[in-house]
Amino acid sequence: MPVQSTWVLSLLAFAGAAQAVLPDGEKAIRLLDASGAETVVGTIVFHAQGDTASYDIDWNLDHFGDYFLSMRPFKCLEGTEKLWCRVPYPYDIKRTISADDLTDLEYDTLFIWKKASDYGINMWNGVYYRFELTESGLVGTLNEMDMDILSAPPEAGDLRPVGEYDIEPGDPDSHWLPTLRIE
């Protein structure tokens, strides 16, 4: 490819990335199934401050049922074959994001799934939505993780106890709600 073509492609890629800005104001949190049908499960208010944005989440718990699973209370969305249960992140986070660090938001949108026919819940069925900043908002793609890594508090000052090695890409075709959008 000629140098000029490479330069033009790089410039176009940079222009597209520049259009994806941090969100500001109130946005809806939507879980989408494979067909694109969505459920609004909450709202989030972003407060943009230069290169970062802090946020506050208000979960719409009217959509969630109350379940007592494996000796703990959960708020779960009820599907025909699976329950999608919210897992509030139990440790300190700043609730601040930047264009290159969306981790706090990923920690605040943890879920765990279980088959509707199962009795208890298995912590290795954790759902970690890895976010990407787009022109229209934030898009979370389903990844899987073993939630047992959160059973013990991280060391003092460690605000990032979930590492890259703890998260595996999920198979969107095998899950009920493979996408989380914030727009």
C-alpha atoms as a PDB file:
ATOM      1  CA  MET A   1       0.000   0.000   0.000  1.00  0.00           C
ATOM      2  CA  PRO A   2       1.436   3.412  -0.923  1.00  0.00           C
ATOM      3  CA  VAL A   3       2.522   5.687   1.910  1.00  0.00           C
ATOM      4  CA  GLN A   4      -0.167   8.267   1.027  1.00  0.00           C
ATOM      5  CA  SER A   5      -2.942   5.651   1.293  1.00  0.00           C
ATOM      6  CA  THR A   6      -1.651   4.498   4.667  1.00  0.00           C
ATOM      7  CA  TRP A   7      -1.529   8.096   5.894  1.00  0.00           C
ATOM      8  CA  VAL A   8      -5.115   8.751   4.717  1.00  0.00           C
ATOM      9  CA  LEU A   9      -6.383   5.576   6.417  1.00  0.00           C
ATOM     10  CA  SER A  10      -4.603   6.539   9.642  1.00  0.00           C
ATOM     11  CA  LEU A  11      -6.133  10.021   9.489  1.00  0.00           C
ATOM     12  CA  LEU A  12      -9.627   8.578   8.953  1.00  0.00           C
ATOM     13  CA  ALA A  13      -9.180   6.168  11.857  1.00  0.00           C
ATOM     14  CA  PHE A  14      -8.047   9.037  14.088  1.00  0.00           C
ATOM     15  CA  ALA A  15     -11.030  11.181  13.020  1.00  0.00           C
ATOM     16  CA  GLY A  16     -13.429   8.322  13.863  1.00  0.00           C
ATOM     17  CA  ALA A  17     -11.832   7.849  17.276  1.00  0.00           C
ATOM     18  CA  ALA A  18     -11.991  11.576  17.937  1.00  0.00           C
ATOM     19  CA  GLN A  19     -15.783  11.515  17.445  1.00  0.00           C
ATOM     20  CA  ALA A  20     -16.250   8.986  20.241  1.00  0.00           C
ATOM     21  CA  VAL A  21     -16.285  11.266  23.277  1.00  0.00           C
ATOM     22  CA  LEU A  22     -16.965  10.470  26.896  1.00  0.00           C
ATOM     23  CA  PRO A  23     -20.654  10.533  27.723  1.00  0.00           C
ATOM     24  CA  ASP A  24     -22.146  13.421  29.679  1.00  0.00           C
ATOM     25  CA  GLY A  25     -25.596  13.639  31.247  1.00  0.00           C
ATOM     26  CA  GLU A  26     -28.249  10.965  31.753  1.00  0.00           C
ATOM     27  CA  LYS A  27     -28.127   7.778  29.673  1.00  0.00           C
ATOM     28  CA  ALA A  28     -30.133   4.538  29.671  1.00  0.00           C
ATOM     29  CA  ILE A  29     -28.579   1.164  30.540  1.00  0.00           C
ATOM     30  CA  ARG A  30     -29.950  -1.470  28.175  1.00  0.00           C
ATOM     31  CA  LEU A  31     -29.395  -5.210  28.076  1.00  0.00           C
ATOM     32  CA  LEU A  32     -29.936  -6.689  24.596  1.00  0.00           C
ATOM     33  CA  ASP A  33     -30.688 -10.251  23.634  1.00  0.00           C
ATOM     34  CA  ALA A  34     -29.357 -11.871  20.456  1.00  0.00           C
ATOM     35  CA  SER A  35     -32.305 -10.586  18.386  1.00  0.00           C
ATOM     36  CA  GLY A  36     -31.715  -7.002  19.539  1.00  0.00           C
ATOM     37  CA  ALA A  37     -34.713  -6.852  21.880  1.00  0.00           C
ATOM     38  CA  GLU A  38     -33.750  -4.647  24.781  1.00  0.00           C
ATOM     39  CA  THR A  39     -34.628  -4.189  28.425  1.00  0.00           C
ATOM     40  CA  VAL A  40     -33.845  -0.861  30.094  1.00  0.00           C
ATOM     41  CA  VAL A  41     -32.443  -1.883  33.466  1.00  0.00           C
ATOM     42  CA  GLY A  42     -31.348   1.490  34.792  1.00  0.00           C
ATOM     43  CA  THR A  43     -30.069   4.968  34.169  1.00  0.00           C
ATOM     44  CA  ILE A  44     -26.635   6.408  34.608  1.00  0.00           C
ATOM     45  CA  VAL A  45     -25.707  10.056  34.963  1.00  0.00           C
ATOM     46  CA  PHE A  46     -22.247  11.007  33.730  1.00  0.00           C
ATOM     47  CA  HIS A  47     -20.451  14.149  34.875  1.00  0.00           C
ATOM     48  CA  ALA A  48     -17.764  14.902  32.271  1.00  0.00           C
ATOM     49  CA  GLN A  49     -14.708  16.675  33.656  1.00  0.00           C
ATOM     50  CA  GLY A  50     -12.058  17.148  30.976  1.00  0.00           C
ATOM     51  CA  ASP A  51     -10.536  13.778  30.089  1.00  0.00           C
ATOM     52  CA  THR A  52     -12.615  11.858  32.662  1.00  0.00           C
ATOM     53  CA  ALA A  53     -16.236  11.424  33.662  1.00  0.00           C
ATOM     54  CA  SER A  54     -17.603  10.373  37.026  1.00  0.00           C
ATOM     55  CA  TYR A  55     -20.982   8.652  37.166  1.00  0.00           C
ATOM     56  CA  ASP A  56     -23.896   7.566  39.348  1.00  0.00           C
ATOM     57  CA  ILE A  57     -26.067   4.537  38.537  1.00  0.00           C
ATOM     58  CA  ASP A  58     -29.745   4.089  39.388  1.00  0.00           C
ATOM     59  CA  TRP A  59     -30.807   0.493  38.708  1.00  0.00           C
ATOM     60  CA  ASN A  60     -34.466   0.023  37.761  1.00  0.00           C
ATOM     61  CA  LEU A  61     -35.182  -2.838  40.127  1.00  0.00           C
ATOM     62  CA  ASP A  62     -38.807  -3.128  38.930  1.00  0.00           C
ATOM     63  CA  HIS A  63     -37.509  -5.416  36.156  1.00  0.00           C
ATOM     64  CA  PHE A  64     -35.640  -7.654  38.607  1.00  0.00           C
ATOM     65  CA  GLY A  65     -37.104 -10.420  40.747  1.00  0.00           C
ATOM     66  CA  ASP A  66     -35.912 -11.246  44.262  1.00  0.00           C
ATOM     67  CA  TYR A  67     -34.046 -14.540  44.604  1.00  0.00           C
ATOM     68  CA  PHE A  68     -32.224 -16.177  47.473  1.00  0.00           C
ATOM     69  CA  LEU A  69     -29.513 -18.263  45.822  1.00  0.00           C
ATOM     70  CA  SER A  70     -26.652 -20.090  47.489  1.00  0.00           C
ATOM     71  CA  MET A  71     -27.462 -18.378  50.790  1.00  0.00           C
ATOM     72  CA  ARG A  72     -27.372 -14.839  49.321  1.00  0.00           C
ATOM     73  CA  PRO A  73     -30.009 -12.435  48.007  1.00  0.00           C
ATOM     74  CA  PHE A  74     -29.878 -11.550  44.299  1.00  0.00           C
ATOM     75  CA  LYS A  75     -31.879  -9.291  41.991  1.00  0.00           C
ATOM     76  CA  CYS A  76     -32.402 -11.219  38.756  1.00  0.00           C
ATOM     77  CA  LEU A  77     -33.948 -10.717  35.343  1.00  0.00           C
ATOM     78  CA  GLU A  78     -36.043 -13.711  34.404  1.00  0.00           C
ATOM     79  CA  GLY A  79     -35.598 -15.273  30.975  1.00  0.00           C
ATOM     80  CA  THR A  80     -37.259 -18.404  29.646  1.00  0.00           C
ATOM     81  CA  GLU A  81     -34.121 -20.484  30.133  1.00  0.00           C
ATOM     82  CA  LYS A  82     -31.806 -18.349  32.283  1.00  0.00           C
ATOM     83  CA  LEU A  83     -31.775 -15.874  35.124  1.00  0.00           C
ATOM     84  CA  TRP A  84     -29.452 -12.873  34.740  1.00  0.00           C
ATOM     85  CA  CYS A  85     -28.537 -11.722  38.258  1.00  0.00           C
ATOM     86  CA  ARG A  86     -26.895  -8.432  39.119  1.00  0.00           C
ATOM     87  CA  VAL A  87     -23.733  -8.642  41.208  1.00  0.00           C
ATOM     88  CA  PRO A  88     -23.006  -5.348  42.992  1.00  0.00           C
ATOM     89  CA  TYR A  89     -19.254  -4.870  43.081  1.00  0.00           C
ATOM     90  CA  PRO A  90     -18.415  -5.273  46.796  1.00  0.00           C
ATOM     91  CA  TYR A  91     -15.227  -3.197  47.058  1.00  0.00           C
ATOM     92  CA  ASP A  92     -14.129   0.412  46.634  1.00  0.00           C
ATOM     93  CA  ILE A  93     -13.990   1.954  43.180  1.00  0.00           C
ATOM     94  CA  LYS A  94     -13.809   5.584  42.115  1.00  0.00           C
ATOM     95  CA  ARG A  95     -16.702   5.440  39.612  1.00  0.00           C
ATOM     96  CA  THR A  96     -14.661   7.417  37.116  1.00  0.00           C
ATOM     97  CA  ILE A  97     -13.911   6.551  33.502  1.00  0.00           C
ATOM     98  CA  SER A  98     -11.683   7.883  30.745  1.00  0.00           C
ATOM     99  CA  ALA A  99     -11.506   7.090  27.034  1.00  0.00           C
ATOM    100  CA  ASP A 100      -8.784   4.502  27.699  1.00  0.00           C
ATOM    101  CA  ASP A 101     -10.005   3.163  31.060  1.00  0.00           C
ATOM    102  CA  LEU A 102     -13.616   1.982  31.425  1.00  0.00           C
ATOM    103  CA  THR A 103     -12.837  -0.508  34.200  1.00  0.00           C
ATOM    104  CA  ASP A 104     -14.939   1.075  36.972  1.00  0.00           C
ATOM    105  CA  LEU A 105     -18.021   0.895  34.757  1.00  0.00           C
ATOM    106  CA  GLU A 106     -17.201  -2.721  33.888  1.00  0.00           C
ATOM    107  CA  TYR A 107     -17.025  -3.531  37.616  1.00  0.00           C
ATOM    108  CA  ASP A 108     -20.364  -1.776  38.219  1.00  0.00           C
ATOM    109  CA  THR A 109     -22.151  -3.858  35.568  1.00  0.00           C
ATOM    110  CA  LEU A 110     -21.237  -7.368  36.709  1.00  0.00           C
ATOM    111  CA  PHE A 111     -23.835 -10.113  36.371  1.00  0.00           C
ATOM    112  CA  ILE A 112     -24.001 -13.820  36.952  1.00  0.00           C
ATOM    113  CA  TRP A 113     -26.261 -16.222  35.115  1.00  0.00           C
ATOM    114  CA  LYS A 114     -27.908 -19.456  36.055  1.00  0.00           C
ATOM    115  CA  LYS A 115     -30.226 -21.845  34.296  1.00  0.00           C
ATOM    116  CA  ALA A 116     -33.810 -21.276  35.367  1.00  0.00           C
ATOM    117  CA  SER A 117     -34.051 -24.957  36.325  1.00  0.00           C
ATOM    118  CA  ASP A 118     -30.936 -24.948  38.567  1.00  0.00           C
ATOM    119  CA  TYR A 119     -31.361 -24.713  42.325  1.00  0.00           C
ATOM    120  CA  GLY A 120     -28.345 -22.646  43.355  1.00  0.00           C
ATOM    121  CA  ILE A 121     -25.953 -20.326  41.615  1.00  0.00           C
ATOM    122  CA  ASN A 122     -22.435 -21.129  40.409  1.00  0.00           C
ATOM    123  CA  MET A 123     -19.986 -18.292  40.849  1.00  0.00           C
ATOM    124  CA  TRP A 124     -17.970 -19.405  37.831  1.00  0.00           C
ATOM    125  CA  ASN A 125     -20.887 -18.240  35.613  1.00  0.00           C
ATOM    126  CA  GLY A 126     -19.893 -14.598  35.948  1.00  0.00           C
ATOM    127  CA  VAL A 127     -20.599 -12.070  33.200  1.00  0.00           C
ATOM    128  CA  TYR A 128     -18.156  -9.219  32.645  1.00  0.00           C
ATOM    129  CA  TYR A 129     -19.174  -6.698  29.998  1.00  0.00           C
ATOM    130  CA  ARG A 130     -16.046  -5.250  28.402  1.00  0.00           C
ATOM    131  CA  PHE A 131     -16.906  -1.744  27.191  1.00  0.00           C
ATOM    132  CA  GLU A 132     -15.918   0.144  24.078  1.00  0.00           C
ATOM    133  CA  LEU A 133     -16.511   3.850  23.611  1.00  0.00           C
ATOM    134  CA  THR A 134     -18.420   4.479  20.357  1.00  0.00           C
ATOM    135  CA  GLU A 135     -19.910   7.515  18.657  1.00  0.00           C
ATOM    136  CA  SER A 136     -23.347   6.659  20.084  1.00  0.00           C
ATOM    137  CA  GLY A 137     -22.274   5.731  23.619  1.00  0.00           C
ATOM    138  CA  LEU A 138     -20.780   2.711  25.334  1.00  0.00           C
ATOM    139  CA  VAL A 139     -21.183  -0.864  24.125  1.00  0.00           C
ATOM    140  CA  GLY A 140     -20.413  -3.748  26.470  1.00  0.00           C
ATOM    141  CA  THR A 141     -19.552  -7.130  24.988  1.00  0.00           C
ATOM    142  CA  LEU A 142     -20.125 -10.252  27.062  1.00  0.00           C
ATOM    143  CA  ASN A 143     -17.068 -11.864  28.579  1.00  0.00           C
ATOM    144  CA  GLU A 144     -16.999 -14.618  31.177  1.00  0.00           C
ATOM    145  CA  MET A 145     -15.265 -14.782  34.526  1.00  0.00           C
ATOM    146  CA  ASP A 146     -15.204 -16.822  37.710  1.00  0.00           C
ATOM    147  CA  MET A 147     -16.718 -14.514  40.362  1.00  0.00           C
ATOM    148  CA  ASP A 148     -14.949 -16.487  43.098  1.00  0.00           C
ATOM    149  CA  ILE A 149     -11.989 -14.145  42.629  1.00  0.00           C
ATOM    150  CA  LEU A 150     -14.128 -11.470  44.329  1.00  0.00           C
ATOM    151  CA  SER A 151     -14.871 -13.592  47.384  1.00  0.00           C
ATOM    152  CA  ALA A 152     -11.884 -12.150  49.277  1.00  0.00           C
ATOM    153  CA  PRO A 153     -11.168  -8.418  49.458  1.00  0.00           C
ATOM    154  CA  PRO A 154      -8.245  -7.172  47.382  1.00  0.00           C
ATOM    155  CA  GLU A 155      -5.180  -5.793  49.119  1.00  0.00           C
ATOM    156  CA  ALA A 156      -5.585  -2.262  50.449  1.00  0.00           C
ATOM    157  CA  GLY A 157      -5.357   0.270  47.640  1.00  0.00           C
ATOM    158  CA  ASP A 158      -5.848  -2.324  44.868  1.00  0.00           C
ATOM    159  CA  LEU A 159      -8.772  -0.927  42.870  1.00  0.00           C
ATOM    160  CA  ARG A 160      -8.240  -3.348  39.971  1.00  0.00           C
ATOM    161  CA  PRO A 161      -8.290  -6.915  41.374  1.00  0.00           C
ATOM    162  CA  VAL A 162      -9.747  -8.457  38.200  1.00  0.00           C
ATOM    163  CA  GLY A 163      -6.904  -9.036  35.752  1.00  0.00           C
ATOM    164  CA  GLU A 164      -6.833  -9.746  32.029  1.00  0.00           C
ATOM    165  CA  TYR A 165      -6.195 -13.410  32.801  1.00  0.00           C
ATOM    166  CA  ASP A 166      -9.455 -13.564  34.825  1.00  0.00           C
ATOM    167  CA  ILE A 167     -11.648 -12.612  31.858  1.00  0.00           C
ATOM    168  CA  GLU A 168     -12.372 -14.783  28.824  1.00  0.00           C
ATOM    169  CA  PRO A 169     -14.321 -13.851  25.701  1.00  0.00           C
ATOM    170  CA  GLY A 170     -17.861 -15.203  25.903  1.00  0.00           C
ATOM    171  CA  ASP A 171     -19.855 -16.908  23.193  1.00  0.00           C
ATOM    172  CA  PRO A 172     -22.707 -14.495  22.443  1.00  0.00           C
ATOM    173  CA  ASP A 173     -24.746 -17.275  20.802  1.00  0.00           C
ATOM    174  CA  SER A 174     -24.813 -19.305  24.020  1.00  0.00           C
ATOM    175  CA  HIS A 175     -26.065 -16.491  26.273  1.00  0.00           C
ATOM    176  CA  TRP A 176     -29.359 -14.704  26.698  1.00  0.00           C
ATOM    177  CA  LEU A 177     -28.089 -11.110  27.036  1.00  0.00           C
ATOM    178  CA  PRO A 178     -24.766 -10.795  25.172  1.00  0.00           C
ATOM    179  CA  THR A 179     -24.742  -6.990  24.884  1.00  0.00           C
ATOM    180  CA  LEU A 180     -25.059  -4.070  27.302  1.00  0.00           C
ATOM    181  CA  ARG A 181     -25.488  -0.592  25.789  1.00  0.00           C
ATOM    182  CA  ILE A 182     -25.323   2.764  27.526  1.00  0.00           C
ATOM    183  CA  GLU A 183     -26.813   5.507  25.353  1.00  0.00           C
END
